[in-house]
């Protein structure tokens, strides 16, 4: 019941590349006086990111600008909430005094 179902692969419908026909064996001839081959590091298929000093300065300046803009927006939102809370509190005090004034008359 809980076994995964492996889909069957139908015959390919795209372009197929024929296999090479003929001998594919590689014969390497080395001379006795030849120096030992230097091992070569495998080439990575991933792109390499290299930061130049100018790119690094740009990256730092961009990050600083983003932090300043986000900080300004957050402080503005906090200030808007504080002003709204203060005005609601003032309205509540005024309404309370008006209601108390009517009760005393």
Protein backbone atom coordinates (compact mmCIF):
# COMPACT_ATOMS: atom_id res chain seq x y z
CA UNK A 1 0.00 0.00 0.00
CA UNK A 2 2.75 2.48 0.89
CA UNK A 3 5.22 1.33 -1.73
CA UNK A 4 6.34 4.03 -4.15
CA UNK A 5 5.28 3.46 -7.73
CA UNK A 6 8.19 3.74 -10.13
CA UNK A 7 7.03 5.11 -13.45
CA UNK A 8 7.98 3.17 -16.54
CA UNK A 9 10.01 5.06 -19.11
CA UNK A 10 8.41 4.78 -22.53
CA UNK A 11 10.47 4.83 -25.68
CA UNK A 12 12.15 8.21 -26.15
CA UNK A 13 10.26 10.59 -28.40
CA UNK A 14 12.94 13.28 -28.76
CA UNK A 15 16.06 13.44 -30.86
CA UNK A 16 18.40 10.56 -30.24
CA UNK A 17 22.13 10.71 -30.87
CA UNK A 18 23.52 7.52 -32.41
CA UNK A 19 26.39 5.84 -30.63
CA UNK A 20 29.78 6.01 -32.37
CA UNK A 21 30.62 2.98 -34.43
CA UNK A 22 34.14 1.67 -34.32
CA UNK A 23 36.93 1.18 -31.84
CA UNK A 24 36.95 3.53 -28.87
CA UNK A 25 40.03 2.16 -27.14
CA UNK A 26 42.74 4.66 -26.27
CA UNK A 27 46.36 3.63 -26.43
CA UNK A 28 48.84 5.77 -24.55
CA UNK A 29 52.50 5.60 -25.54
CA UNK A 30 55.02 6.87 -23.03
CA UNK A 31 58.75 7.18 -23.41
CA UNK A 32 61.11 6.05 -20.67
CA UNK A 33 62.77 9.50 -20.45
CA UNK A 34 59.56 11.49 -20.28
CA UNK A 35 58.91 13.26 -16.98
CA UNK A 36 56.01 12.15 -14.83
CA UNK A 37 52.76 13.85 -15.78
CA UNK A 38 51.66 16.65 -13.49
CA UNK A 39 48.27 15.91 -11.93
CA UNK A 40 45.66 18.36 -13.14
CA UNK A 41 42.86 19.44 -10.84
CA UNK A 42 39.40 18.57 -12.19
CA UNK A 43 37.56 21.49 -13.70
CA UNK A 44 34.41 22.42 -11.84
CA UNK A 45 31.25 23.03 -13.82
CA UNK A 46 30.03 25.60 -11.25
CA UNK A 47 30.55 29.27 -12.05
CA UNK A 48 33.22 30.91 -9.94
CA UNK A 49 32.36 34.22 -8.25
CA UNK A 50 35.33 36.53 -7.97
CA UNK A 51 34.90 39.81 -6.10
CA UNK A 52 37.09 42.66 -7.22
CA UNK A 53 37.74 45.55 -4.81
CA UNK A 54 35.29 47.76 -6.72
CA UNK A 55 32.59 45.08 -6.57
CA UNK A 56 33.20 44.61 -2.86
CA UNK A 57 32.84 48.36 -2.21
CA UNK A 58 29.63 48.40 -4.27
CA UNK A 59 28.29 45.41 -2.36
CA UNK A 60 29.02 47.02 1.02
CA UNK A 61 27.51 50.36 -0.09
CA UNK A 62 24.38 48.59 -1.39
CA UNK A 63 23.99 46.63 1.84
CA UNK A 64 24.37 49.80 3.89
CA UNK A 65 21.76 51.58 1.77
CA UNK A 66 19.32 48.69 2.19
CA UNK A 67 19.81 48.69 5.98
CA UNK A 68 19.27 52.45 6.17
CA UNK A 69 16.12 52.37 4.02
CA UNK A 70 14.61 49.44 5.93
CA UNK A 71 15.49 51.10 9.25
CA UNK A 72 13.88 54.37 8.17
CA UNK A 73 10.69 52.58 7.11
CA UNK A 74 10.49 50.67 10.38
CA UNK A 75 11.07 53.79 12.49
CA UNK A 76 8.39 55.63 10.50
CA UNK A 77 5.92 52.82 11.11
CA UNK A 78 6.73 52.82 14.81
CA UNK A 79 6.27 56.59 14.94
CA UNK A 80 2.91 56.33 13.16
CA UNK A 81 1.73 53.73 15.68
CA UNK A 82 2.88 55.92 18.59
CA UNK A 83 1.11 59.02 17.24
CA UNK A 84 -2.08 57.03 16.64
CA UNK A 85 -1.96 55.60 20.17
CA UNK A 86 -1.45 59.05 21.66
CA UNK A 87 -4.37 60.52 19.73
CA UNK A 88 -6.65 57.65 20.72
CA UNK A 89 -5.63 58.16 24.36
CA UNK A 90 -6.40 61.89 24.16
CA UNK A 91 -9.79 61.19 22.58
CA UNK A 92 -10.57 58.71 25.36
CA UNK A 93 -9.70 61.26 28.07
CA UNK A 94 -11.86 63.94 26.40
CA UNK A 95 -14.83 61.58 26.00
CA UNK A 96 -14.48 60.43 29.61
CA UNK A 97 -14.49 64.00 30.90
CA UNK A 98 -17.50 64.88 28.75
CA UNK A 99 -19.46 61.86 29.99
CA UNK A 100 -18.54 62.60 33.63
CA UNK A 101 -19.60 66.23 33.17
CA UNK A 102 -23.05 65.20 31.96
CA UNK A 103 -23.56 62.85 34.92
CA UNK A 104 -22.77 65.58 37.45
CA UNK A 105 -25.34 68.03 36.02
